[in-house]
Amino acid sequence: MKTIDLNLSDYTLAQKLQLLETLWDDIAREGSFDSPEWHGAGLKDRQKAYDANKLTSSDWQQARKRIKKNLACE
């Protein structure tokens, strides 16, 4: 496999996030892949905390807005 060398310091945070989004979209199109076991365990822990009212949630539009604001991408 050929190594891809990107000088990430040349990119803005918004560009880096766009790159991540593009990569994940491409990976998702290629088919299914198995998540590591630790990921499932982490999700179960978060679900337990949510069920015990120790966490709150928001819809994706609200979450995305908050993330962009916190990362100063807008």
PDB file of N, CA and C in Angstrom:
ATOM      1  N   MET A   1       0.835  -1.172   0.000  1.00  0.00           N
ATOM      2  CA  MET A   1       0.000   0.000   0.000  1.00  0.00           C
ATOM      3  C   MET A   1       0.884   1.241   0.000  1.00  0.00           C
ATOM      4  N   LYS A   2       0.562   2.161  -0.874  1.00  0.00           N
ATOM      5  CA  LYS A   2       1.317   3.407  -0.972  1.00  0.00           C
ATOM      6  C   LYS A   2       0.945   4.330   0.192  1.00  0.00           C
ATOM      7  N   THR A   3       1.940   4.924   0.816  1.00  0.00           N
ATOM      8  CA  THR A   3       1.720   5.860   1.905  1.00  0.00           C
ATOM      9  C   THR A   3       1.325   7.213   1.342  1.00  0.00           C
ATOM     10  N   ILE A   4       0.333   7.822   1.964  1.00  0.00           N
ATOM     11  CA  ILE A   4      -0.101   9.161   1.572  1.00  0.00           C
ATOM     12  C   ILE A   4       0.476  10.138   2.582  1.00  0.00           C
ATOM     13  N   ASP A   5       1.263  11.065   2.105  1.00  0.00           N
ATOM     14  CA  ASP A   5       1.906  12.030   2.987  1.00  0.00           C
ATOM     15  C   ASP A   5       1.224  13.382   2.815  1.00  0.00           C
ATOM     16  N   LEU A   6       0.465  13.785   3.833  1.00  0.00           N
ATOM     17  CA  LEU A   6      -0.188  15.089   3.812  1.00  0.00           C
ATOM     18  C   LEU A   6       0.442  15.971   4.877  1.00  0.00           C
ATOM     19  N   ASN A   7       0.750  17.175   4.510  1.00  0.00           N
ATOM     20  CA  ASN A   7       1.241  18.134   5.491  1.00  0.00           C
ATOM     21  C   ASN A   7       0.014  18.805   6.108  1.00  0.00           C
ATOM     22  N   LEU A   8      -0.531  18.190   7.148  1.00  0.00           N
ATOM     23  CA  LEU A   8      -1.789  18.641   7.721  1.00  0.00           C
ATOM     24  C   LEU A   8      -1.714  20.045   8.308  1.00  0.00           C
ATOM     25  N   SER A   9      -0.547  20.500   8.635  1.00  0.00           N
ATOM     26  CA  SER A   9      -0.425  21.860   9.175  1.00  0.00           C
ATOM     27  C   SER A   9      -0.761  22.921   8.116  1.00  0.00           C
ATOM     28  N   ASP A  10      -0.816  22.530   6.859  1.00  0.00           N
ATOM     29  CA  ASP A  10      -1.178  23.453   5.784  1.00  0.00           C
ATOM     30  C   ASP A  10      -2.692  23.672   5.697  1.00  0.00           C
ATOM     31  N   TYR A  11      -3.475  22.856   6.400  1.00  0.00           N
ATOM     32  CA  TYR A  11      -4.925  22.901   6.292  1.00  0.00           C
ATOM     33  C   TYR A  11      -5.557  23.555   7.515  1.00  0.00           C
ATOM     34  N   THR A  12      -6.684  24.219   7.279  1.00  0.00           N
ATOM     35  CA  THR A  12      -7.439  24.794   8.391  1.00  0.00           C
ATOM     36  C   THR A  12      -8.195  23.682   9.104  1.00  0.00           C
ATOM     37  N   LEU A  13      -8.702  23.997  10.275  1.00  0.00           N
ATOM     38  CA  LEU A  13      -9.497  23.021  11.004  1.00  0.00           C
ATOM     39  C   LEU A  13     -10.720  22.611  10.194  1.00  0.00           C
ATOM     40  N   ALA A  14     -11.373  23.567   9.577  1.00  0.00           N
ATOM     41  CA  ALA A  14     -12.552  23.256   8.760  1.00  0.00           C
ATOM     42  C   ALA A  14     -12.187  22.305   7.615  1.00  0.00           C
ATOM     43  N   GLN A  15     -11.042  22.517   6.978  1.00  0.00           N
ATOM     44  CA  GLN A  15     -10.602  21.637   5.889  1.00  0.00           C
ATOM     45  C   GLN A  15     -10.294  20.236   6.407  1.00  0.00           C
ATOM     46  N   LYS A  16      -9.683  20.149   7.573  1.00  0.00           N
ATOM     47  CA  LYS A  16      -9.381  18.840   8.161  1.00  0.00           C
ATOM     48  C   LYS A  16     -10.666  18.086   8.481  1.00  0.00           C
ATOM     49  N   LEU A  17     -11.645  18.786   9.032  1.00  0.00           N
ATOM     50  CA  LEU A  17     -12.921  18.138   9.338  1.00  0.00           C
ATOM     51  C   LEU A  17     -13.616  17.681   8.057  1.00  0.00           C
ATOM     52  N   GLN A  18     -13.541  18.487   6.998  1.00  0.00           N
ATOM     53  CA  GLN A  18     -14.124  18.090   5.718  1.00  0.00           C
ATOM     54  C   GLN A  18     -13.422  16.848   5.176  1.00  0.00           C
ATOM     55  N   LEU A  19     -12.124  16.778   5.326  1.00  0.00           N
ATOM     56  CA  LEU A  19     -11.365  15.607   4.901  1.00  0.00           C
ATOM     57  C   LEU A  19     -11.830  14.361   5.653  1.00  0.00           C
ATOM     58  N   LEU A  20     -12.001  14.495   6.970  1.00  0.00           N
ATOM     59  CA  LEU A  20     -12.496  13.374   7.774  1.00  0.00           C
ATOM     60  C   LEU A  20     -13.870  12.911   7.298  1.00  0.00           C
ATOM     61  N   GLU A  21     -14.752  13.869   7.047  1.00  0.00           N
ATOM     62  CA  GLU A  21     -16.095  13.540   6.590  1.00  0.00           C
ATOM     63  C   GLU A  21     -16.057  12.819   5.239  1.00  0.00           C
ATOM     64  N   THR A  22     -15.210  13.298   4.346  1.00  0.00           N
ATOM     65  CA  THR A  22     -15.069  12.670   3.026  1.00  0.00           C
ATOM     66  C   THR A  22     -14.539  11.242   3.152  1.00  0.00           C
ATOM     67  N   LEU A  23     -13.543  11.047   4.017  1.00  0.00           N
ATOM     68  CA  LEU A  23     -12.986   9.708   4.225  1.00  0.00           C
ATOM     69  C   LEU A  23     -14.038   8.749   4.777  1.00  0.00           C
ATOM     70  N   TRP A  24     -14.783   9.186   5.796  1.00  0.00           N
ATOM     71  CA  TRP A  24     -15.804   8.307   6.392  1.00  0.00           C
ATOM     72  C   TRP A  24     -16.905   7.977   5.390  1.00  0.00           C
ATOM     73  N   ASP A  25     -17.308   8.959   4.578  1.00  0.00           N
ATOM     74  CA  ASP A  25     -18.319   8.686   3.555  1.00  0.00           C
ATOM     75  C   ASP A  25     -17.824   7.631   2.581  1.00  0.00           C
ATOM     76  N   ASP A  26     -16.568   7.722   2.189  1.00  0.00           N
ATOM     77  CA  ASP A  26     -16.002   6.756   1.248  1.00  0.00           C
ATOM     78  C   ASP A  26     -15.896   5.366   1.880  1.00  0.00           C
ATOM     79  N   ILE A  27     -15.460   5.308   3.124  1.00  0.00           N
ATOM     80  CA  ILE A  27     -15.361   4.020   3.829  1.00  0.00           C
ATOM     81  C   ILE A  27     -16.737   3.380   3.937  1.00  0.00           C
ATOM     82  N   ALA A  28     -17.753   4.175   4.253  1.00  0.00           N
ATOM     83  CA  ALA A  28     -19.112   3.653   4.395  1.00  0.00           C
ATOM     84  C   ALA A  28     -19.639   3.101   3.076  1.00  0.00           C
ATOM     85  N   ARG A  29     -19.273   3.716   1.960  1.00  0.00           N
ATOM     86  CA  ARG A  29     -19.721   3.231   0.649  1.00  0.00           C
ATOM     87  C   ARG A  29     -19.087   1.894   0.279  1.00  0.00           C
ATOM     88  N   GLU A  30     -17.901   1.628   0.800  1.00  0.00           N
ATOM     89  CA  GLU A  30     -17.191   0.390   0.459  1.00  0.00           C
ATOM     90  C   GLU A  30     -17.820  -0.843   1.081  1.00  0.00           C
ATOM     91  N   GLY A  31     -18.659  -0.665   2.065  1.00  0.00           N
ATOM     92  CA  GLY A  31     -19.305  -1.816   2.690  1.00  0.00           C
ATOM     93  C   GLY A  31     -19.164  -1.790   4.190  1.00  0.00           C
ATOM     94  N   SER A  32     -19.554  -2.892   4.792  1.00  0.00           N
ATOM     95  CA  SER A  32     -19.545  -2.943   6.251  1.00  0.00           C
ATOM     96  C   SER A  32     -18.158  -3.295   6.780  1.00  0.00           C
ATOM     97  N   PHE A  33     -17.923  -2.906   7.991  1.00  0.00           N
ATOM     98  CA  PHE A  33     -16.683  -3.234   8.681  1.00  0.00           C
ATOM     99  C   PHE A  33     -17.022  -3.399  10.152  1.00  0.00           C
ATOM    100  N   ASP A  34     -16.248  -4.179  10.846  1.00  0.00           N
ATOM    101  CA  ASP A  34     -16.505  -4.447  12.254  1.00  0.00           C
ATOM    102  C   ASP A  34     -15.835  -3.394  13.125  1.00  0.00           C
ATOM    103  N   SER A  35     -16.595  -2.900  14.076  1.00  0.00           N
ATOM    104  CA  SER A  35     -16.036  -1.977  15.057  1.00  0.00           C
ATOM    105  C   SER A  35     -15.230  -2.769  16.077  1.00  0.00           C
ATOM    106  N   PRO A  36     -14.227  -2.158  16.671  1.00  0.00           N
ATOM    107  CA  PRO A  36     -13.457  -2.861  17.704  1.00  0.00           C
ATOM    108  C   PRO A  36     -14.333  -3.109  18.939  1.00  0.00           C
ATOM    109  N   GLU A  37     -13.979  -4.125  19.711  1.00  0.00           N
ATOM    110  CA  GLU A  37     -14.768  -4.485  20.884  1.00  0.00           C
ATOM    111  C   GLU A  37     -14.885  -3.332  21.880  1.00  0.00           C
ATOM    112  N   TRP A  38     -13.814  -2.565  22.057  1.00  0.00           N
ATOM    113  CA  TRP A  38     -13.841  -1.464  23.016  1.00  0.00           C
ATOM    114  C   TRP A  38     -14.907  -0.440  22.658  1.00  0.00           C
ATOM    115  N   HIS A  39     -15.208  -0.324  21.371  1.00  0.00           N
ATOM    116  CA  HIS A  39     -16.213   0.643  20.939  1.00  0.00           C
ATOM    117  C   HIS A  39     -17.595   0.226  21.439  1.00  0.00           C
ATOM    118  N   GLY A  40     -17.913  -1.045  21.314  1.00  0.00           N
ATOM    119  CA  GLY A  40     -19.188  -1.557  21.802  1.00  0.00           C
ATOM    120  C   GLY A  40     -19.318  -1.392  23.308  1.00  0.00           C
ATOM    121  N   ALA A  41     -18.238  -1.646  24.018  1.00  0.00           N
ATOM    122  CA  ALA A  41     -18.252  -1.508  25.475  1.00  0.00           C
ATOM    123  C   ALA A  41     -18.493  -0.045  25.859  1.00  0.00           C
ATOM    124  N   GLY A  42     -17.864   0.866  25.152  1.00  0.00           N
ATOM    125  CA  GLY A  42     -18.056   2.290  25.423  1.00  0.00           C
ATOM    126  C   GLY A  42     -19.492   2.725  25.159  1.00  0.00           C
ATOM    127  N   LEU A  43     -20.078   2.216  24.096  1.00  0.00           N
ATOM    128  CA  LEU A  43     -21.468   2.547  23.786  1.00  0.00           C
ATOM    129  C   LEU A  43     -22.417   2.012  24.854  1.00  0.00           C
ATOM    130  N   LYS A  44     -22.153   0.799  25.324  1.00  0.00           N
ATOM    131  CA  LYS A  44     -22.986   0.222  26.390  1.00  0.00           C
ATOM    132  C   LYS A  44     -22.894   1.056  27.661  1.00  0.00           C
ATOM    133  N   ASP A  45     -21.692   1.501  28.005  1.00  0.00           N
ATOM    134  CA  ASP A  45     -21.502   2.340  29.191  1.00  0.00           C
ATOM    135  C   ASP A  45     -22.278   3.652  29.062  1.00  0.00           C
ATOM    136  N   ARG A  46     -22.210   4.259  27.892  1.00  0.00           N
ATOM    137  CA  ARG A  46     -22.924   5.520  27.675  1.00  0.00           C
ATOM    138  C   ARG A  46     -24.429   5.314  27.719  1.00  0.00           C
ATOM    139  N   GLN A  47     -24.899   4.182  27.181  1.00  0.00           N
ATOM    140  CA  GLN A  47     -26.331   3.896  27.212  1.00  0.00           C
ATOM    141  C   GLN A  47     -26.814   3.725  28.659  1.00  0.00           C
ATOM    142  N   LYS A  48     -26.020   3.026  29.469  1.00  0.00           N
ATOM    143  CA  LYS A  48     -26.362   2.856  30.890  1.00  0.00           C
ATOM    144  C   LYS A  48     -26.442   4.213  31.589  1.00  0.00           C
ATOM    145  N   ALA A  49     -25.481   5.090  31.322  1.00  0.00           N
ATOM    146  CA  ALA A  49     -25.474   6.416  31.930  1.00  0.00           C
ATOM    147  C   ALA A  49     -26.684   7.220  31.466  1.00  0.00           C
ATOM    148  N   TYR A  50     -27.018   7.109  30.197  1.00  0.00           N
ATOM    149  CA  TYR A  50     -28.190   7.812  29.661  1.00  0.00           C
ATOM    150  C   TYR A  50     -29.471   7.292  30.310  1.00  0.00           C
ATOM    151  N   ASP A  51     -29.588   5.971  30.406  1.00  0.00           N
ATOM    152  CA  ASP A  51     -30.764   5.361  31.026  1.00  0.00           C
ATOM    153  C   ASP A  51     -30.909   5.768  32.486  1.00  0.00           C
ATOM    154  N   ALA A  52     -29.796   6.034  33.154  1.00  0.00           N
ATOM    155  CA  ALA A  52     -29.807   6.449  34.561  1.00  0.00           C
ATOM    156  C   ALA A  52     -29.935   7.975  34.692  1.00  0.00           C
ATOM    157  N   ASN A  53     -30.259   8.644  33.577  1.00  0.00           N
ATOM    158  CA  ASN A  53     -30.424  10.112  33.552  1.00  0.00           C
ATOM    159  C   ASN A  53     -29.160  10.859  33.966  1.00  0.00           C
ATOM    160  N   LYS A  54     -28.001  10.273  33.682  1.00  0.00           N
ATOM    161  CA  LYS A  54     -26.733  10.943  33.962  1.00  0.00           C
ATOM    162  C   LYS A  54     -26.195  11.676  32.732  1.00  0.00           C
ATOM    163  N   LEU A  55     -26.856  11.487  31.589  1.00  0.00           N
ATOM    164  CA  LEU A  55     -26.475  12.143  30.342  1.00  0.00           C
ATOM    165  C   LEU A  55     -27.705  12.761  29.695  1.00  0.00           C
ATOM    166  N   THR A  56     -27.488  13.766  28.900  1.00  0.00           N
ATOM    167  CA  THR A  56     -28.572  14.345  28.115  1.00  0.00           C
ATOM    168  C   THR A  56     -28.280  14.102  26.643  1.00  0.00           C
ATOM    169  N   SER A  57     -29.259  14.377  25.808  1.00  0.00           N
ATOM    170  CA  SER A  57     -29.059  14.195  24.373  1.00  0.00           C
ATOM    171  C   SER A  57     -29.665  15.373  23.624  1.00  0.00           C
ATOM    172  N   SER A  58     -29.306  15.481  22.359  1.00  0.00           N
ATOM    173  CA  SER A  58     -29.881  16.491  21.478  1.00  0.00           C
ATOM    174  C   SER A  58     -29.976  15.883  20.090  1.00  0.00           C
ATOM    175  N   ASP A  59     -30.844  16.472  19.259  1.00  0.00           N
ATOM    176  CA  ASP A  59     -30.948  15.935  17.905  1.00  0.00           C
ATOM    177  C   ASP A  59     -29.704  16.327  17.105  1.00  0.00           C
ATOM    178  N   TRP A  60     -29.524  15.682  15.960  1.00  0.00           N
ATOM    179  CA  TRP A  60     -28.298  15.853  15.188  1.00  0.00           C
ATOM    180  C   TRP A  60     -28.103  17.303  14.745  1.00  0.00           C
ATOM    181  N   GLN A  61     -29.166  17.982  14.335  1.00  0.00           N
ATOM    182  CA  GLN A  61     -29.018  19.371  13.887  1.00  0.00           C
ATOM    183  C   GLN A  61     -28.499  20.257  15.011  1.00  0.00           C
ATOM    184  N   GLN A  62     -29.036  20.084  16.218  1.00  0.00           N
ATOM    185  CA  GLN A  62     -28.564  20.869  17.360  1.00  0.00           C
ATOM    186  C   GLN A  62     -27.117  20.514  17.691  1.00  0.00           C
ATOM    187  N   ALA A  63     -26.812  19.224  17.681  1.00  0.00           N
ATOM    188  CA  ALA A  63     -25.453  18.780  18.009  1.00  0.00           C
ATOM    189  C   ALA A  63     -24.445  19.312  16.993  1.00  0.00           C
ATOM    190  N   ARG A  64     -24.782  19.222  15.723  1.00  0.00           N
ATOM    191  CA  ARG A  64     -23.873  19.689  14.675  1.00  0.00           C
ATOM    192  C   ARG A  64     -23.617  21.198  14.802  1.00  0.00           C
ATOM    193  N   LYS A  65     -24.678  21.956  15.084  1.00  0.00           N
ATOM    194  CA  LYS A  65     -24.540  23.392  15.280  1.00  0.00           C
ATOM    195  C   LYS A  65     -23.596  23.694  16.447  1.00  0.00           C
ATOM    196  N   ARG A  66     -23.792  22.979  17.547  1.00  0.00           N
ATOM    197  CA  ARG A  66     -22.965  23.171  18.740  1.00  0.00           C
ATOM    198  C   ARG A  66     -21.503  22.808  18.454  1.00  0.00           C
ATOM    199  N   ILE A  67     -21.291  21.713  17.750  1.00  0.00           N
ATOM    200  CA  ILE A  67     -19.927  21.291  17.418  1.00  0.00           C
ATOM    201  C   ILE A  67     -19.245  22.339  16.549  1.00  0.00           C
ATOM    202  N   LYS A  68     -19.938  22.795  15.516  1.00  0.00           N
ATOM    203  CA  LYS A  68     -19.357  23.802  14.624  1.00  0.00           C
ATOM    204  C   LYS A  68     -19.035  25.084  15.387  1.00  0.00           C
ATOM    205  N   LYS A  69     -19.940  25.474  16.285  1.00  0.00           N
ATOM    206  CA  LYS A  69     -19.693  26.690  17.075  1.00  0.00           C
ATOM    207  C   LYS A  69     -18.461  26.516  17.955  1.00  0.00           C
ATOM    208  N   ASN A  70     -18.358  25.365  18.612  1.00  0.00           N
ATOM    209  CA  ASN A  70     -17.224  25.101  19.495  1.00  0.00           C
ATOM    210  C   ASN A  70     -15.903  25.011  18.739  1.00  0.00           C
ATOM    211  N   LEU A  71     -15.962  24.604  17.481  1.00  0.00           N
ATOM    212  CA  LEU A  71     -14.740  24.472  16.688  1.00  0.00           C
ATOM    213  C   LEU A  71     -14.483  25.701  15.817  1.00  0.00           C
ATOM    214  N   ALA A  72     -15.354  26.680  15.914  1.00  0.00           N
ATOM    215  CA  ALA A  72     -15.226  27.920  15.150  1.00  0.00           C
ATOM    216  C   ALA A  72     -15.123  27.667  13.652  1.00  0.00           C
ATOM    217  N   CYS A  73     -15.988  26.765  13.148  1.00  0.00           N
ATOM    218  CA  CYS A  73     -15.980  26.444  11.713  1.00  0.00           C
ATOM    219  C   CYS A  73     -16.944  27.321  10.930  1.00  0.00           C
ATOM    220  N   GLU A  74     -17.802  28.045  11.607  1.00  0.00           N
ATOM    221  CA  GLU A  74     -18.779  28.860  10.894  1.00  0.00           C
ATOM    222  C   GLU A  74     -18.265  30.251  10.683  1.00  0.00           C
TER     223      GLU A  74
END
